[in-house]
Amino acid sequence: MSTEVQEEKKEEVVEEKKENNFDPSVYSCEILLEKTTEQKSRDKKFPTDAFNVSYIADGEERLDVTRSSKMSNIFDMYYDRYGNVKDIAYGHGSINPIQWGYKSPEKKKKRK
């Protein structure tokens, strides 16, 4: 094999590894719903810092619900991953981000 063909194959393998090992925490983001519908993204049980992200991947339009403190972090993450960000809009969540995901401790039974 020529060195050019070998280098192309190495580049393809590196790109596949980048896609499989993608970590949103590097961008200070958390993906709540991936490839979802508009109706599911309108749920009020999400935190107020969640954003609805529309993007194009593999020729189809997709919608994700992602949370982050900065919209620029979300843009950077999706631009680096897919390269085509269509829209980033505020989500419809109504829960305080500090309290989102918090589970109250179970109450102990009282002695009689």
N, C-alpha and C. Protein backbone atom coordinates (compact mmCIF):
# COMPACT_ATOMS: atom_id res chain seq x y z
N MET A 1 0.84 -1.18 0.00
CA MET A 1 0.00 0.00 0.00
C MET A 1 0.88 1.24 0.00
N SER A 2 0.38 2.26 -0.64
CA SER A 2 1.15 3.50 -0.65
C SER A 2 0.95 4.24 0.66
N THR A 3 1.84 5.14 0.95
CA THR A 3 1.77 5.89 2.21
C THR A 3 0.56 6.81 2.25
N GLU A 4 0.13 7.30 1.08
CA GLU A 4 -1.04 8.19 1.04
C GLU A 4 -2.30 7.45 1.46
N VAL A 5 -2.47 6.21 0.98
CA VAL A 5 -3.64 5.41 1.32
C VAL A 5 -3.61 5.07 2.80
N GLN A 6 -2.45 4.74 3.33
CA GLN A 6 -2.34 4.42 4.75
C GLN A 6 -2.68 5.63 5.60
N GLU A 7 -2.22 6.81 5.20
CA GLU A 7 -2.50 8.02 5.96
C GLU A 7 -3.99 8.34 5.95
N GLU A 8 -4.66 8.12 4.80
CA GLU A 8 -6.10 8.37 4.72
C GLU A 8 -6.86 7.44 5.65
N LYS A 9 -6.47 6.17 5.69
CA LYS A 9 -7.13 5.22 6.58
C LYS A 9 -6.91 5.59 8.03
N LYS A 10 -5.71 6.04 8.38
CA LYS A 10 -5.44 6.46 9.75
C LYS A 10 -6.30 7.65 10.13
N GLU A 11 -6.48 8.60 9.21
CA GLU A 11 -7.31 9.77 9.48
C GLU A 11 -8.76 9.36 9.70
N GLU A 12 -9.27 8.38 8.90
CA GLU A 12 -10.64 7.91 9.07
C GLU A 12 -10.83 7.27 10.43
N VAL A 13 -9.86 6.46 10.86
CA VAL A 13 -9.94 5.79 12.15
C VAL A 13 -9.92 6.82 13.28
N VAL A 14 -9.09 7.84 13.17
CA VAL A 14 -9.01 8.88 14.19
C VAL A 14 -10.33 9.64 14.28
N GLU A 15 -10.96 9.95 13.13
CA GLU A 15 -12.24 10.65 13.13
C GLU A 15 -13.33 9.80 13.77
N GLU A 16 -13.35 8.48 13.50
CA GLU A 16 -14.33 7.59 14.10
C GLU A 16 -14.15 7.53 15.61
N LYS A 17 -12.91 7.48 16.07
CA LYS A 17 -12.64 7.43 17.51
C LYS A 17 -13.11 8.73 18.18
N LYS A 18 -12.90 9.86 17.52
CA LYS A 18 -13.35 11.14 18.08
C LYS A 18 -14.85 11.14 18.25
N GLU A 19 -15.58 10.61 17.28
CA GLU A 19 -17.05 10.59 17.34
C GLU A 19 -17.53 9.67 18.46
N ASN A 20 -16.89 8.51 18.61
CA ASN A 20 -17.32 7.55 19.62
C ASN A 20 -16.94 7.98 21.03
N ASN A 21 -15.85 8.70 21.19
CA ASN A 21 -15.38 9.11 22.51
C ASN A 21 -15.78 10.53 22.84
N PHE A 22 -16.85 11.02 22.27
CA PHE A 22 -17.27 12.39 22.49
C PHE A 22 -17.76 12.55 23.93
N ASP A 23 -17.26 13.58 24.62
CA ASP A 23 -17.61 13.81 26.02
C ASP A 23 -18.12 15.24 26.18
N PRO A 24 -19.44 15.43 26.42
CA PRO A 24 -19.99 16.77 26.57
C PRO A 24 -19.46 17.52 27.78
N SER A 25 -18.96 16.82 28.79
CA SER A 25 -18.47 17.49 29.99
C SER A 25 -17.23 18.33 29.71
N VAL A 26 -16.54 18.05 28.61
CA VAL A 26 -15.39 18.86 28.22
C VAL A 26 -15.84 20.29 27.92
N TYR A 27 -17.06 20.43 27.39
CA TYR A 27 -17.62 21.73 27.05
C TYR A 27 -18.51 22.29 28.16
N SER A 28 -18.54 21.68 29.31
CA SER A 28 -19.40 22.06 30.44
C SER A 28 -20.87 21.98 30.05
N CYS A 29 -21.24 20.93 29.35
CA CYS A 29 -22.61 20.73 28.90
C CYS A 29 -23.09 19.34 29.33
N GLU A 30 -24.42 19.18 29.33
CA GLU A 30 -25.03 17.90 29.61
C GLU A 30 -26.19 17.72 28.64
N ILE A 31 -26.17 16.64 27.88
CA ILE A 31 -27.24 16.36 26.93
C ILE A 31 -28.34 15.60 27.66
N LEU A 32 -29.53 16.21 27.74
CA LEU A 32 -30.65 15.59 28.45
C LEU A 32 -31.44 14.67 27.53
N LEU A 33 -31.77 15.13 26.34
CA LEU A 33 -32.47 14.32 25.34
C LEU A 33 -31.76 14.45 24.01
N GLU A 34 -31.56 13.33 23.34
CA GLU A 34 -30.89 13.33 22.05
C GLU A 34 -31.85 12.82 20.99
N LYS A 35 -31.86 13.45 19.83
CA LYS A 35 -32.71 13.06 18.70
C LYS A 35 -34.16 12.90 19.14
N THR A 36 -34.71 13.94 19.70
CA THR A 36 -36.05 13.90 20.27
C THR A 36 -37.04 14.65 19.38
N THR A 37 -38.28 14.69 19.81
CA THR A 37 -39.33 15.39 19.08
C THR A 37 -39.60 16.74 19.74
N GLU A 38 -40.30 17.59 19.03
CA GLU A 38 -40.65 18.92 19.55
C GLU A 38 -41.54 18.80 20.79
N GLN A 39 -42.45 17.84 20.78
CA GLN A 39 -43.38 17.68 21.90
C GLN A 39 -42.65 17.26 23.18
N LYS A 40 -41.70 16.34 23.06
CA LYS A 40 -40.94 15.90 24.24
C LYS A 40 -40.02 17.00 24.75
N SER A 41 -39.55 17.87 23.87
CA SER A 41 -38.64 18.93 24.29
C SER A 41 -39.36 20.05 25.04
N ARG A 42 -40.68 20.09 24.97
CA ARG A 42 -41.46 21.13 25.65
C ARG A 42 -41.85 20.75 27.08
N ASP A 43 -41.28 19.71 27.61
CA ASP A 43 -41.59 19.25 28.97
C ASP A 43 -41.16 20.29 30.00
N LYS A 44 -42.01 20.57 30.95
CA LYS A 44 -41.73 21.56 31.99
C LYS A 44 -40.83 21.01 33.10
N LYS A 45 -40.53 19.73 33.08
CA LYS A 45 -39.73 19.12 34.14
C LYS A 45 -38.23 19.25 33.93
N PHE A 46 -37.81 19.98 32.92
CA PHE A 46 -36.39 20.24 32.70
C PHE A 46 -35.96 21.48 33.46
N PRO A 47 -34.66 21.65 33.70
CA PRO A 47 -34.19 22.86 34.38
C PRO A 47 -34.30 24.08 33.47
N THR A 48 -34.26 25.25 34.07
CA THR A 48 -34.40 26.49 33.30
C THR A 48 -33.16 26.80 32.47
N ASP A 49 -32.04 26.15 32.73
CA ASP A 49 -30.84 26.40 31.94
C ASP A 49 -30.69 25.43 30.76
N ALA A 50 -31.78 24.73 30.41
CA ALA A 50 -31.76 23.82 29.27
C ALA A 50 -32.11 24.56 27.99
N PHE A 51 -31.46 24.17 26.89
CA PHE A 51 -31.67 24.80 25.59
C PHE A 51 -32.11 23.73 24.58
N ASN A 52 -32.95 24.14 23.62
CA ASN A 52 -33.33 23.28 22.51
C ASN A 52 -32.40 23.59 21.34
N VAL A 53 -31.67 22.58 20.89
CA VAL A 53 -30.67 22.77 19.84
C VAL A 53 -31.12 22.01 18.59
N SER A 54 -31.30 22.75 17.48
CA SER A 54 -31.61 22.15 16.19
C SER A 54 -30.34 22.14 15.35
N TYR A 55 -30.05 21.01 14.75
CA TYR A 55 -28.85 20.88 13.92
C TYR A 55 -29.11 19.87 12.81
N ILE A 56 -28.24 19.86 11.83
CA ILE A 56 -28.36 18.93 10.72
C ILE A 56 -27.19 17.95 10.78
N ALA A 57 -27.53 16.65 10.81
CA ALA A 57 -26.51 15.60 10.84
C ALA A 57 -26.97 14.48 9.91
N ASP A 58 -26.09 14.02 9.09
CA ASP A 58 -26.37 12.94 8.14
C ASP A 58 -27.56 13.28 7.23
N GLY A 59 -27.71 14.54 6.89
CA GLY A 59 -28.76 14.97 5.97
C GLY A 59 -30.14 15.09 6.58
N GLU A 60 -30.28 14.92 7.88
CA GLU A 60 -31.58 15.06 8.53
C GLU A 60 -31.48 16.07 9.66
N GLU A 61 -32.60 16.73 9.92
CA GLU A 61 -32.65 17.72 11.00
C GLU A 61 -32.96 17.01 12.31
N ARG A 62 -32.19 17.33 13.33
CA ARG A 62 -32.36 16.70 14.64
C ARG A 62 -32.56 17.77 15.71
N LEU A 63 -33.12 17.35 16.83
CA LEU A 63 -33.38 18.24 17.95
C LEU A 63 -32.88 17.58 19.23
N ASP A 64 -32.09 18.32 20.00
CA ASP A 64 -31.59 17.86 21.29
C ASP A 64 -31.98 18.86 22.37
N VAL A 65 -32.09 18.38 23.60
CA VAL A 65 -32.25 19.24 24.76
C VAL A 65 -30.95 19.12 25.55
N THR A 66 -30.26 20.24 25.67
CA THR A 66 -28.94 20.28 26.30
C THR A 66 -28.91 21.38 27.34
N ARG A 67 -28.25 21.12 28.45
CA ARG A 67 -28.15 22.16 29.47
C ARG A 67 -26.71 22.59 29.64
N SER A 68 -26.56 23.89 29.88
CA SER A 68 -25.27 24.49 30.14
C SER A 68 -25.52 25.90 30.67
N SER A 69 -24.54 26.44 31.35
CA SER A 69 -24.72 27.79 31.89
C SER A 69 -24.54 28.85 30.80
N LYS A 70 -23.82 28.50 29.72
CA LYS A 70 -23.59 29.45 28.63
C LYS A 70 -24.04 28.86 27.30
N MET A 71 -24.71 29.66 26.52
CA MET A 71 -25.14 29.23 25.20
C MET A 71 -23.93 29.03 24.28
N SER A 72 -22.87 29.78 24.50
CA SER A 72 -21.68 29.65 23.65
C SER A 72 -21.02 28.29 23.82
N ASN A 73 -21.08 27.70 25.02
CA ASN A 73 -20.53 26.36 25.22
C ASN A 73 -21.29 25.33 24.39
N ILE A 74 -22.61 25.49 24.34
CA ILE A 74 -23.44 24.57 23.56
C ILE A 74 -23.11 24.71 22.08
N PHE A 75 -22.99 25.94 21.61
CA PHE A 75 -22.66 26.15 20.20
C PHE A 75 -21.31 25.52 19.87
N ASP A 76 -20.32 25.74 20.71
CA ASP A 76 -18.99 25.17 20.47
C ASP A 76 -19.04 23.64 20.39
N MET A 77 -19.79 23.03 21.29
CA MET A 77 -19.88 21.57 21.33
C MET A 77 -20.52 21.03 20.05
N TYR A 78 -21.66 21.60 19.65
CA TYR A 78 -22.35 21.09 18.46
C TYR A 78 -21.60 21.45 17.17
N TYR A 79 -20.95 22.58 17.14
CA TYR A 79 -20.19 22.95 15.95
C TYR A 79 -18.99 22.02 15.77
N ASP A 80 -18.33 21.69 16.87
CA ASP A 80 -17.19 20.79 16.79
C ASP A 80 -17.63 19.37 16.44
N ARG A 81 -18.80 18.97 16.90
CA ARG A 81 -19.26 17.60 16.68
C ARG A 81 -19.91 17.41 15.31
N TYR A 82 -20.81 18.33 14.92
CA TYR A 82 -21.57 18.17 13.68
C TYR A 82 -21.23 19.20 12.61
N GLY A 83 -20.79 20.37 12.99
CA GLY A 83 -20.39 21.38 12.03
C GLY A 83 -21.52 22.23 11.50
N ASN A 84 -22.76 21.88 11.80
CA ASN A 84 -23.88 22.63 11.26
C ASN A 84 -24.94 22.81 12.34
N VAL A 85 -24.95 23.97 12.98
CA VAL A 85 -25.94 24.28 14.00
C VAL A 85 -26.99 25.19 13.37
N LYS A 86 -28.24 24.76 13.42
CA LYS A 86 -29.31 25.52 12.79
C LYS A 86 -29.90 26.56 13.74
N ASP A 87 -30.20 26.15 14.98
CA ASP A 87 -30.86 27.06 15.91
C ASP A 87 -30.61 26.60 17.35
N ILE A 88 -30.42 27.57 18.23
CA ILE A 88 -30.35 27.30 19.67
C ILE A 88 -31.37 28.20 20.33
N ALA A 89 -32.37 27.60 20.97
CA ALA A 89 -33.45 28.36 21.59
C ALA A 89 -33.55 27.99 23.06
N TYR A 90 -34.11 28.90 23.85
CA TYR A 90 -34.33 28.62 25.26
C TYR A 90 -35.34 27.50 25.41
N GLY A 91 -35.13 26.64 26.38
CA GLY A 91 -36.04 25.53 26.63
C GLY A 91 -37.27 26.00 27.39
N HIS A 92 -38.15 25.04 27.67
CA HIS A 92 -39.41 25.34 28.34
C HIS A 92 -39.42 24.87 29.78
N GLY A 93 -38.27 24.50 30.32
CA GLY A 93 -38.19 23.98 31.68
C GLY A 93 -38.53 25.03 32.73
N SER A 94 -38.99 24.55 33.88
CA SER A 94 -39.39 25.47 34.94
C SER A 94 -38.77 25.14 36.29
N ILE A 95 -37.84 24.20 36.33
CA ILE A 95 -37.24 23.80 37.60
C ILE A 95 -35.91 24.51 37.80
N ASN A 96 -35.67 24.96 39.01
CA ASN A 96 -34.41 25.60 39.37
C ASN A 96 -33.25 24.64 39.09
N PRO A 97 -32.20 25.08 38.38
CA PRO A 97 -31.09 24.17 38.05
C PRO A 97 -30.41 23.56 39.26
N ILE A 98 -30.41 24.24 40.37
CA ILE A 98 -29.78 23.69 41.58
C ILE A 98 -30.58 22.52 42.12
N GLN A 99 -31.89 22.58 41.98
CA GLN A 99 -32.76 21.54 42.52
C GLN A 99 -33.10 20.45 41.51
N TRP A 100 -32.69 20.62 40.27
CA TRP A 100 -33.02 19.62 39.25
C TRP A 100 -32.24 18.35 39.52
N GLY A 101 -32.94 17.24 39.55
CA GLY A 101 -32.31 15.95 39.80
C GLY A 101 -32.16 15.61 41.27
N TYR A 102 -32.59 16.51 42.14
CA TYR A 102 -32.48 16.28 43.58
C TYR A 102 -33.59 15.34 44.03
N LYS A 103 -33.23 14.36 44.80
CA LYS A 103 -34.22 13.44 45.37
C LYS A 103 -34.21 13.63 46.88
N SER A 104 -35.36 13.86 47.45
CA SER A 104 -35.43 14.05 48.89
C SER A 104 -35.16 12.72 49.59
N PRO A 105 -34.51 12.78 50.74
CA PRO A 105 -34.21 11.54 51.45
C PRO A 105 -35.49 10.88 51.96
N GLU A 106 -35.44 9.56 52.06
CA GLU A 106 -36.61 8.84 52.55
C GLU A 106 -36.79 9.12 54.03
N LYS A 107 -38.05 9.24 54.43
CA LYS A 107 -38.34 9.49 55.83
C LYS A 107 -38.25 8.17 56.60
N LYS A 108 -37.65 8.26 57.77
CA LYS A 108 -37.52 7.08 58.60
C LYS A 108 -38.83 6.86 59.35
N LYS A 109 -39.12 5.62 59.62
CA LYS A 109 -40.32 5.31 60.37
C LYS A 109 -40.13 5.73 61.83
N LYS A 110 -41.19 6.30 62.39
CA LYS A 110 -41.13 6.73 63.78
C LYS A 110 -41.39 5.56 64.70
N ARG A 111 -40.70 5.59 65.81
CA ARG A 111 -40.93 4.57 66.83
C ARG A 111 -42.18 4.94 67.63
N LYS A 112 -42.87 3.96 68.03
CA LYS A 112 -44.06 4.19 68.85
C LYS A 112 -43.80 3.87 70.28
